[in-house]
């Protein structure tokens, strides 16, 4: 019985860690040839303050293809000397 309990606890821990990572990453699908973009929220929030991207009420960001290739993502990447080539964000 103890082994079953330990196994269930390990499974619960592994599942919660996976869900925590998944909740902090967002996938945007590109129906074109470039492939999907995975946005790592924690990786970005470790480097900048929240209000750099999140402004207004509610502080959500509508990420569209045009926004990502312009003011929301690419312009910021250029200003901070972050990756800007297609393959840097789009993964097949």
PDB file of N, CA and C in Angstrom:
ATOM      1  N   UNK A   1       0.808  -1.194   0.000  1.00  0.00           N
ATOM      2  CA  UNK A   1       0.000   0.000   0.000  1.00  0.00           C
ATOM      3  C   UNK A   1       0.858   1.268   0.000  1.00  0.00           C
ATOM      4  N   UNK A   2       1.973   1.237   0.739  1.00  0.00           N
ATOM      5  CA  UNK A   2       2.859   2.397   0.779  1.00  0.00           C
ATOM      6  C   UNK A   2       3.477   2.663  -0.588  1.00  0.00           C
ATOM      7  N   UNK A   3       3.835   1.590  -1.306  1.00  0.00           N
ATOM      8  CA  UNK A   3       4.431   1.755  -2.637  1.00  0.00           C
ATOM      9  C   UNK A   3       3.431   2.399  -3.590  1.00  0.00           C
ATOM     10  N   UNK A   4       2.170   1.997  -3.499  1.00  0.00           N
ATOM     11  CA  UNK A   4       1.136   2.595  -4.339  1.00  0.00           C
ATOM     12  C   UNK A   4       0.981   4.077  -4.029  1.00  0.00           C
ATOM     13  N   UNK A   5       0.973   4.417  -2.744  1.00  0.00           N
ATOM     14  CA  UNK A   5       0.849   5.811  -2.329  1.00  0.00           C
ATOM     15  C   UNK A   5       2.025   6.648  -2.845  1.00  0.00           C
ATOM     16  N   UNK A   6       3.237   6.116  -2.707  1.00  0.00           N
ATOM     17  CA  UNK A   6       4.433   6.823  -3.181  1.00  0.00           C
ATOM     18  C   UNK A   6       4.376   6.992  -4.695  1.00  0.00           C
ATOM     19  N   UNK A   7       3.965   5.953  -5.402  1.00  0.00           N
ATOM     20  CA  UNK A   7       3.864   6.034  -6.858  1.00  0.00           C
ATOM     21  C   UNK A   7       2.843   7.086  -7.274  1.00  0.00           C
ATOM     22  N   UNK A   8       1.711   7.136  -6.594  1.00  0.00           N
ATOM     23  CA  UNK A   8       0.690   8.138  -6.906  1.00  0.00           C
ATOM     24  C   UNK A   8       1.180   9.545  -6.605  1.00  0.00           C
ATOM     25  N   UNK A   9       1.913   9.705  -5.527  1.00  0.00           N
ATOM     26  CA  UNK A   9       2.458  11.026  -5.196  1.00  0.00           C
ATOM     27  C   UNK A   9       3.474  11.471  -6.247  1.00  0.00           C
ATOM     28  N   UNK A  10       4.326  10.567  -6.703  1.00  0.00           N
ATOM     29  CA  UNK A  10       5.298  10.898  -7.745  1.00  0.00           C
ATOM     30  C   UNK A  10       4.591  11.271  -9.039  1.00  0.00           C
ATOM     31  N   UNK A  11       3.553  10.528  -9.379  1.00  0.00           N
ATOM     32  CA  UNK A  11       2.784  10.829 -10.583  1.00  0.00           C
ATOM     33  C   UNK A  11       2.127  12.205 -10.469  1.00  0.00           C
ATOM     34  N   UNK A  12       1.552  12.506  -9.314  1.00  0.00           N
ATOM     35  CA  UNK A  12       0.918  13.807  -9.107  1.00  0.00           C
ATOM     36  C   UNK A  12       1.937  14.939  -9.216  1.00  0.00           C
ATOM     37  N   UNK A  13       3.121  14.740  -8.641  1.00  0.00           N
ATOM     38  CA  UNK A  13       4.165  15.761  -8.722  1.00  0.00           C
ATOM     39  C   UNK A  13       4.609  15.983 -10.163  1.00  0.00           C
ATOM     40  N   UNK A  14       4.845  14.896 -10.890  1.00  0.00           N
ATOM     41  CA  UNK A  14       5.282  15.009 -12.290  1.00  0.00           C
ATOM     42  C   UNK A  14       4.219  15.686 -13.137  1.00  0.00           C
ATOM     43  N   UNK A  15       2.968  15.355 -12.913  1.00  0.00           N
ATOM     44  CA  UNK A  15       1.879  15.961 -13.673  1.00  0.00           C
ATOM     45  C   UNK A  15       1.758  17.444 -13.370  1.00  0.00           C
ATOM     46  N   UNK A  16       1.861  17.825 -12.113  1.00  0.00           N
ATOM     47  CA  UNK A  16       1.737  19.242 -11.759  1.00  0.00           C
ATOM     48  C   UNK A  16       2.890  20.057 -12.329  1.00  0.00           C
ATOM     49  N   UNK A  17       4.091  19.493 -12.354  1.00  0.00           N
ATOM     50  CA  UNK A  17       5.232  20.206 -12.932  1.00  0.00           C
ATOM     51  C   UNK A  17       5.035  20.393 -14.432  1.00  0.00           C
ATOM     52  N   UNK A  18       4.521  19.380 -15.100  1.00  0.00           N
ATOM     53  CA  UNK A  18       4.263  19.469 -16.537  1.00  0.00           C
ATOM     54  C   UNK A  18       3.194  20.512 -16.811  1.00  0.00           C
ATOM     55  N   UNK A  19       2.128  20.503 -16.038  1.00  0.00           N
ATOM     56  CA  UNK A  19       1.058  21.482 -16.239  1.00  0.00           C
ATOM     57  C   UNK A  19       1.530  22.894 -15.934  1.00  0.00           C
ATOM     58  N   UNK A  20       2.376  23.064 -14.956  1.00  0.00           N
ATOM     59  CA  UNK A  20       2.898  24.399 -14.635  1.00  0.00           C
ATOM     60  C   UNK A  20       3.719  24.934 -15.798  1.00  0.00           C
ATOM     61  N   UNK A  21       4.542  24.089 -16.415  1.00  0.00           N
ATOM     62  CA  UNK A  21       5.318  24.530 -17.570  1.00  0.00           C
ATOM     63  C   UNK A  21       4.399  24.837 -18.737  1.00  0.00           C
ATOM     64  N   UNK A  22       3.427  23.962 -18.971  1.00  0.00           N
ATOM     65  CA  UNK A  22       2.518  24.155 -20.098  1.00  0.00           C
ATOM     66  C   UNK A  22       1.725  25.439 -19.962  1.00  0.00           C
ATOM     67  N   UNK A  23       1.355  25.810 -18.751  1.00  0.00           N
ATOM     68  CA  UNK A  23       0.577  27.021 -18.532  1.00  0.00           C
ATOM     69  C   UNK A  23       1.416  28.269 -18.760  1.00  0.00           C
ATOM     70  N   UNK A  24       2.726  28.140 -18.743  1.00  0.00           N
ATOM     71  CA  UNK A  24       3.597  29.288 -18.918  1.00  0.00           C
ATOM     72  C   UNK A  24       4.145  29.390 -20.339  1.00  0.00           C
ATOM     73  N   UNK A  25       3.745  28.479 -21.204  1.00  0.00           N
ATOM     74  CA  UNK A  25       4.139  28.509 -22.606  1.00  0.00           C
ATOM     75  C   UNK A  25       2.884  28.488 -23.466  1.00  0.00           C
ATOM     76  N   UNK A  26       2.896  29.243 -24.523  1.00  0.00           N
ATOM     77  CA  UNK A  26       1.739  29.337 -25.403  1.00  0.00           C
ATOM     78  C   UNK A  26       2.179  29.023 -26.819  1.00  0.00           C
ATOM     79  N   UNK A  27       1.415  28.178 -27.490  1.00  0.00           N
ATOM     80  CA  UNK A  27       1.719  27.825 -28.872  1.00  0.00           C
ATOM     81  C   UNK A  27       0.797  28.584 -29.810  1.00  0.00           C
ATOM     82  N   UNK A  28       1.390  29.178 -30.805  1.00  0.00           N
ATOM     83  CA  UNK A  28       0.648  29.843 -31.860  1.00  0.00           C
ATOM     84  C   UNK A  28       0.924  29.071 -33.133  1.00  0.00           C
ATOM     85  N   UNK A  29      -0.125  28.619 -33.777  1.00  0.00           N
ATOM     86  CA  UNK A  29       0.042  27.825 -34.990  1.00  0.00           C
ATOM     87  C   UNK A  29       0.054  28.715 -36.207  1.00  0.00           C
ATOM     88  N   UNK A  30       1.007  28.485 -37.047  1.00  0.00           N
ATOM     89  CA  UNK A  30       1.107  29.184 -38.312  1.00  0.00           C
ATOM     90  C   UNK A  30       0.658  28.198 -39.370  1.00  0.00           C
ATOM     91  N   UNK A  31      -0.434  28.476 -40.041  1.00  0.00           N
ATOM     92  CA  UNK A  31      -0.940  27.558 -41.048  1.00  0.00           C
ATOM     93  C   UNK A  31      -0.098  27.575 -42.321  1.00  0.00           C
ATOM     94  N   UNK A  32       0.860  28.465 -42.378  1.00  0.00           N
ATOM     95  CA  UNK A  32       1.742  28.554 -43.532  1.00  0.00           C
ATOM     96  C   UNK A  32       2.903  27.590 -43.415  1.00  0.00           C
ATOM     97  N   UNK A  33       3.914  27.824 -44.191  1.00  0.00           N
ATOM     98  CA  UNK A  33       5.050  26.912 -44.248  1.00  0.00           C
ATOM     99  C   UNK A  33       6.057  27.105 -43.121  1.00  0.00           C
ATOM    100  N   UNK A  34       5.949  28.166 -42.343  1.00  0.00           N
ATOM    101  CA  UNK A  34       6.974  28.488 -41.359  1.00  0.00           C
ATOM    102  C   UNK A  34       6.951  27.612 -40.108  1.00  0.00           C
ATOM    103  N   UNK A  35       5.787  27.108 -39.697  1.00  0.00           N
ATOM    104  CA  UNK A  35       5.706  26.289 -38.493  1.00  0.00           C
ATOM    105  C   UNK A  35       5.193  27.065 -37.299  1.00  0.00           C
ATOM    106  N   UNK A  36       5.006  26.362 -36.169  1.00  0.00           N
ATOM    107  CA  UNK A  36       4.400  26.993 -35.001  1.00  0.00           C
ATOM    108  C   UNK A  36       5.410  27.809 -34.198  1.00  0.00           C
ATOM    109  N   UNK A  37       4.882  28.739 -33.435  1.00  0.00           N
ATOM    110  CA  UNK A  37       5.678  29.575 -32.546  1.00  0.00           C
ATOM    111  C   UNK A  37       5.282  29.233 -31.113  1.00  0.00           C
ATOM    112  N   UNK A  38       6.268  28.907 -30.291  1.00  0.00           N
ATOM    113  CA  UNK A  38       6.022  28.672 -28.874  1.00  0.00           C
ATOM    114  C   UNK A  38       6.542  29.876 -28.111  1.00  0.00           C
ATOM    115  N   UNK A  39       5.639  30.534 -27.398  1.00  0.00           N
ATOM    116  CA  UNK A  39       5.992  31.715 -26.622  1.00  0.00           C
ATOM    117  C   UNK A  39       6.206  31.290 -25.174  1.00  0.00           C
ATOM    118  N   UNK A  40       7.388  31.494 -24.664  1.00  0.00           N
ATOM    119  CA  UNK A  40       7.719  31.167 -23.281  1.00  0.00           C
ATOM    120  C   UNK A  40       7.502  32.413 -22.427  1.00  0.00           C
ATOM    121  N   UNK A  41       6.381  32.453 -21.732  1.00  0.00           N
ATOM    122  CA  UNK A  41       6.024  33.623 -20.940  1.00  0.00           C
ATOM    123  C   UNK A  41       7.032  33.880 -19.825  1.00  0.00           C
ATOM    124  N   UNK A  42       7.416  32.831 -19.101  1.00  0.00           N
ATOM    125  CA  UNK A  42       8.366  32.995 -17.997  1.00  0.00           C
ATOM    126  C   UNK A  42       9.704  33.513 -18.506  1.00  0.00           C
ATOM    127  N   UNK A  43      10.165  33.008 -19.627  1.00  0.00           N
ATOM    128  CA  UNK A  43      11.430  33.463 -20.193  1.00  0.00           C
ATOM    129  C   UNK A  43      11.417  34.946 -20.521  1.00  0.00           C
ATOM    130  N   UNK A  44      10.266  35.427 -20.997  1.00  0.00           N
ATOM    131  CA  UNK A  44      10.146  36.854 -21.301  1.00  0.00           C
ATOM    132  C   UNK A  44       9.979  37.677 -20.022  1.00  0.00           C
ATOM    133  N   UNK A  45       9.159  37.184 -19.093  1.00  0.00           N
ATOM    134  CA  UNK A  45       8.898  37.967 -17.878  1.00  0.00           C
ATOM    135  C   UNK A  45      10.115  38.032 -16.962  1.00  0.00           C
ATOM    136  N   UNK A  46      11.043  37.093 -17.115  1.00  0.00           N
ATOM    137  CA  UNK A  46      12.291  37.166 -16.349  1.00  0.00           C
ATOM    138  C   UNK A  46      13.186  38.306 -16.840  1.00  0.00           C
ATOM    139  N   UNK A  47      12.982  38.747 -18.085  1.00  0.00           N
ATOM    140  CA  UNK A  47      13.855  39.750 -18.694  1.00  0.00           C
ATOM    141  C   UNK A  47      13.270  41.153 -18.707  1.00  0.00           C
ATOM    142  N   UNK A  48      11.956  41.275 -18.482  1.00  0.00           N
ATOM    143  CA  UNK A  48      11.329  42.599 -18.558  1.00  0.00           C
ATOM    144  C   UNK A  48      10.143  42.686 -17.608  1.00  0.00           C
ATOM    145  N   UNK A  49       9.707  43.889 -17.338  1.00  0.00           N
ATOM    146  CA  UNK A  49       8.555  44.099 -16.466  1.00  0.00           C
ATOM    147  C   UNK A  49       7.271  43.799 -17.222  1.00  0.00           C
ATOM    148  N   UNK A  50       6.262  43.381 -16.503  1.00  0.00           N
ATOM    149  CA  UNK A  50       4.981  42.990 -17.091  1.00  0.00           C
ATOM    150  C   UNK A  50       4.371  44.097 -17.957  1.00  0.00           C
ATOM    151  N   UNK A  51       4.431  45.359 -17.471  1.00  0.00           N
ATOM    152  CA  UNK A  51       3.781  46.435 -18.204  1.00  0.00           C
ATOM    153  C   UNK A  51       4.478  46.814 -19.504  1.00  0.00           C
ATOM    154  N   UNK A  52       5.620  46.188 -19.788  1.00  0.00           N
ATOM    155  CA  UNK A  52       6.249  46.402 -21.094  1.00  0.00           C
ATOM    156  C   UNK A  52       5.352  45.858 -22.210  1.00  0.00           C
ATOM    157  N   UNK A  53       4.598  44.821 -21.902  1.00  0.00           N
ATOM    158  CA  UNK A  53       3.683  44.218 -22.876  1.00  0.00           C
ATOM    159  C   UNK A  53       2.220  44.380 -22.469  1.00  0.00           C
ATOM    160  N   UNK A  54       1.947  44.175 -21.178  1.00  0.00           N
ATOM    161  CA  UNK A  54       0.568  44.191 -20.684  1.00  0.00           C
ATOM    162  C   UNK A  54       0.196  45.592 -20.236  1.00  0.00           C
ATOM    163  N   UNK A  55      -0.701  46.225 -21.001  1.00  0.00           N
ATOM    164  CA  UNK A  55      -1.141  47.576 -20.671  1.00  0.00           C
ATOM    165  C   UNK A  55      -2.654  47.644 -20.736  1.00  0.00           C
ATOM    166  N   UNK A  56      -3.249  48.482 -19.910  1.00  0.00           N
ATOM    167  CA  UNK A  56      -4.691  48.664 -19.921  1.00  0.00           C
ATOM    168  C   UNK A  56      -5.418  47.626 -19.094  1.00  0.00           C
ATOM    169  N   UNK A  57      -6.725  47.633 -19.171  1.00  0.00           N
ATOM    170  CA  UNK A  57      -7.584  46.701 -18.435  1.00  0.00           C
ATOM    171  C   UNK A  57      -8.520  46.018 -19.409  1.00  0.00           C
ATOM    172  N   UNK A  58      -8.708  44.738 -19.430  1.00  0.00           N
ATOM    173  CA  UNK A  58      -7.781  43.783 -18.814  1.00  0.00           C
ATOM    174  C   UNK A  58      -6.476  43.780 -19.575  1.00  0.00           C
ATOM    175  N   UNK A  59      -5.426  43.445 -18.917  1.00  0.00           N
ATOM    176  CA  UNK A  59      -4.090  43.554 -19.487  1.00  0.00           C
ATOM    177  C   UNK A  59      -3.727  42.325 -20.324  1.00  0.00           C
ATOM    178  N   UNK A  60      -4.550  42.034 -21.308  1.00  0.00           N
ATOM    179  CA  UNK A  60      -4.279  40.913 -22.198  1.00  0.00           C
ATOM    180  C   UNK A  60      -3.720  41.442 -23.515  1.00  0.00           C
ATOM    181  N   UNK A  61      -3.050  40.565 -24.237  1.00  0.00           N
ATOM    182  CA  UNK A  61      -2.479  40.940 -25.527  1.00  0.00           C
ATOM    183  C   UNK A  61      -3.114  40.085 -26.601  1.00  0.00           C
ATOM    184  N   UNK A  62      -3.633  40.717 -27.631  1.00  0.00           N
ATOM    185  CA  UNK A  62      -4.173  39.981 -28.773  1.00  0.00           C
ATOM    186  C   UNK A  62      -3.021  39.763 -29.746  1.00  0.00           C
ATOM    187  N   UNK A  63      -2.543  38.540 -29.834  1.00  0.00           N
ATOM    188  CA  UNK A  63      -1.423  38.243 -30.721  1.00  0.00           C
ATOM    189  C   UNK A  63      -1.965  37.686 -32.025  1.00  0.00           C
ATOM    190  N   UNK A  64      -1.798  38.474 -33.061  1.00  0.00           N
ATOM    191  CA  UNK A  64      -2.160  38.052 -34.411  1.00  0.00           C
ATOM    192  C   UNK A  64      -0.871  37.972 -35.222  1.00  0.00           C
ATOM    193  N   UNK A  65      -0.972  37.453 -36.413  1.00  0.00           N
ATOM    194  CA  UNK A  65       0.210  37.369 -37.273  1.00  0.00           C
ATOM    195  C   UNK A  65       0.799  38.764 -37.514  1.00  0.00           C
ATOM    196  N   UNK A  66      -0.070  39.732 -37.819  1.00  0.00           N
ATOM    197  CA  UNK A  66       0.414  41.099 -38.074  1.00  0.00           C
ATOM    198  C   UNK A  66       1.043  41.712 -36.824  1.00  0.00           C
ATOM    199  N   UNK A  67       0.427  41.478 -35.664  1.00  0.00           N
ATOM    200  CA  UNK A  67       0.962  42.029 -34.413  1.00  0.00           C
ATOM    201  C   UNK A  67       2.310  41.396 -34.069  1.00  0.00           C
ATOM    202  N   UNK A  68       2.422  40.089 -34.267  1.00  0.00           N
ATOM    203  CA  UNK A  68       3.671  39.395 -33.950  1.00  0.00           C
ATOM    204  C   UNK A  68       4.803  39.840 -34.869  1.00  0.00           C
ATOM    205  N   UNK A  69       4.465  40.117 -36.115  1.00  0.00           N
ATOM    206  CA  UNK A  69       5.492  40.548 -37.074  1.00  0.00           C
ATOM    207  C   UNK A  69       5.719  42.057 -37.014  1.00  0.00           C
ATOM    208  N   UNK A  70       5.037  42.728 -36.112  1.00  0.00           N
ATOM    209  CA  UNK A  70       5.161  44.179 -35.989  1.00  0.00           C
ATOM    210  C   UNK A  70       5.397  44.611 -34.558  1.00  0.00           C
ATOM    211  N   UNK A  71       4.515  45.489 -34.076  1.00  0.00           N
ATOM    212  CA  UNK A  71       4.723  46.170 -32.795  1.00  0.00           C
ATOM    213  C   UNK A  71       4.743  45.258 -31.578  1.00  0.00           C
ATOM    214  N   UNK A  72       3.985  44.179 -31.567  1.00  0.00           N
ATOM    215  CA  UNK A  72       3.903  43.360 -30.357  1.00  0.00           C
ATOM    216  C   UNK A  72       5.179  42.560 -30.119  1.00  0.00           C
ATOM    217  N   UNK A  73       5.728  41.957 -31.132  1.00  0.00           N
ATOM    218  CA  UNK A  73       6.894  41.085 -30.927  1.00  0.00           C
ATOM    219  C   UNK A  73       8.159  41.561 -31.645  1.00  0.00           C
ATOM    220  N   UNK A  74       8.087  41.649 -32.950  1.00  0.00           N
ATOM    221  CA  UNK A  74       9.308  41.869 -33.735  1.00  0.00           C
ATOM    222  C   UNK A  74       9.960  43.226 -33.452  1.00  0.00           C
ATOM    223  N   UNK A  75       9.175  44.273 -33.306  1.00  0.00           N
ATOM    224  CA  UNK A  75       9.755  45.591 -33.021  1.00  0.00           C
ATOM    225  C   UNK A  75      10.488  45.588 -31.681  1.00  0.00           C
ATOM    226  N   UNK A  76       9.913  44.900 -30.695  1.00  0.00           N
ATOM    227  CA  UNK A  76      10.559  44.792 -29.384  1.00  0.00           C
ATOM    228  C   UNK A  76      11.843  43.975 -29.509  1.00  0.00           C
ATOM    229  N   UNK A  77      11.787  42.886 -30.248  1.00  0.00           N
ATOM    230  CA  UNK A  77      12.988  42.069 -30.444  1.00  0.00           C
ATOM    231  C   UNK A  77      14.103  42.886 -31.092  1.00  0.00           C
ATOM    232  N   UNK A  78      13.753  43.692 -32.089  1.00  0.00           N
ATOM    233  CA  UNK A  78      14.764  44.548 -32.740  1.00  0.00           C
ATOM    234  C   UNK A  78      15.374  45.527 -31.738  1.00  0.00           C
ATOM    235  N   UNK A  79      14.538  46.152 -30.938  1.00  0.00           N
ATOM    236  CA  UNK A  79      15.013  47.149 -29.976  1.00  0.00           C
ATOM    237  C   UNK A  79      15.918  46.531 -28.910  1.00  0.00           C
ATOM    238  N   UNK A  80      15.687  45.286 -28.581  1.00  0.00           N
ATOM    239  CA  UNK A  80      16.469  44.623 -27.531  1.00  0.00           C
ATOM    240  C   UNK A  80      17.531  43.679 -28.089  1.00  0.00           C
ATOM    241  N   UNK A  81      17.789  43.771 -29.389  1.00  0.00           N
ATOM    242  CA  UNK A  81      18.755  42.899 -30.059  1.00  0.00           C
ATOM    243  C   UNK A  81      18.468  41.423 -29.802  1.00  0.00           C
ATOM    244  N   UNK A  82      17.190  41.076 -29.786  1.00  0.00           N
ATOM    245  CA  UNK A  82      16.752  39.689 -29.629  1.00  0.00           C
ATOM    246  C   UNK A  82      16.577  39.072 -31.030  1.00  0.00           C
ATOM    247  N   UNK A  83      16.417  37.765 -31.122  1.00  0.00           N
ATOM    248  CA  UNK A  83      16.295  37.116 -32.429  1.00  0.00           C
ATOM    249  C   UNK A  83      15.126  37.654 -33.250  1.00  0.00           C
ATOM    250  N   UNK A  84      15.363  37.870 -34.553  1.00  0.00           N
ATOM    251  CA  UNK A  84      14.312  38.393 -35.431  1.00  0.00           C
ATOM    252  C   UNK A  84      14.120  37.592 -36.710  1.00  0.00           C
ATOM    253  N   UNK A  85      14.950  36.592 -36.938  1.00  0.00           N
ATOM    254  CA  UNK A  85      14.788  35.790 -38.155  1.00  0.00           C
ATOM    255  C   UNK A  85      13.615  34.835 -37.999  1.00  0.00           C
ATOM    256  N   UNK A  86      12.972  34.491 -39.096  1.00  0.00           N
ATOM    257  CA  UNK A  86      11.780  33.630 -39.066  1.00  0.00           C
ATOM    258  C   UNK A  86      12.007  32.353 -38.254  1.00  0.00           C
ATOM    259  N   UNK A  87      13.092  31.653 -38.547  1.00  0.00           N
ATOM    260  CA  UNK A  87      13.372  30.385 -37.899  1.00  0.00           C
ATOM    261  C   UNK A  87      13.724  30.499 -36.422  1.00  0.00           C
ATOM    262  N   UNK A  88      13.974  31.722 -35.941  1.00  0.00           N
ATOM    263  CA  UNK A  88      14.248  31.913 -34.521  1.00  0.00           C
ATOM    264  C   UNK A  88      13.000  31.680 -33.671  1.00  0.00           C
ATOM    265  N   UNK A  89      11.842  31.997 -34.226  1.00  0.00           N
ATOM    266  CA  UNK A  89      10.593  31.815 -33.492  1.00  0.00           C
ATOM    267  C   UNK A  89       9.753  30.655 -34.040  1.00  0.00           C
ATOM    268  N   UNK A  90       9.703  30.552 -35.369  1.00  0.00           N
ATOM    269  CA  UNK A  90       8.909  29.503 -36.011  1.00  0.00           C
ATOM    270  C   UNK A  90       9.683  28.201 -36.057  1.00  0.00           C
ATOM    271  N   UNK A  91       9.071  27.142 -35.517  1.00  0.00           N
ATOM    272  CA  UNK A  91       9.702  25.816 -35.536  1.00  0.00           C
ATOM    273  C   UNK A  91       8.788  24.854 -36.278  1.00  0.00           C
ATOM    274  N   UNK A  92       9.368  24.121 -37.188  1.00  0.00           N
ATOM    275  CA  UNK A  92       8.582  23.136 -37.963  1.00  0.00           C
ATOM    276  C   UNK A  92       8.498  21.836 -37.228  1.00  0.00           C
TER     277      UNK A  92
END
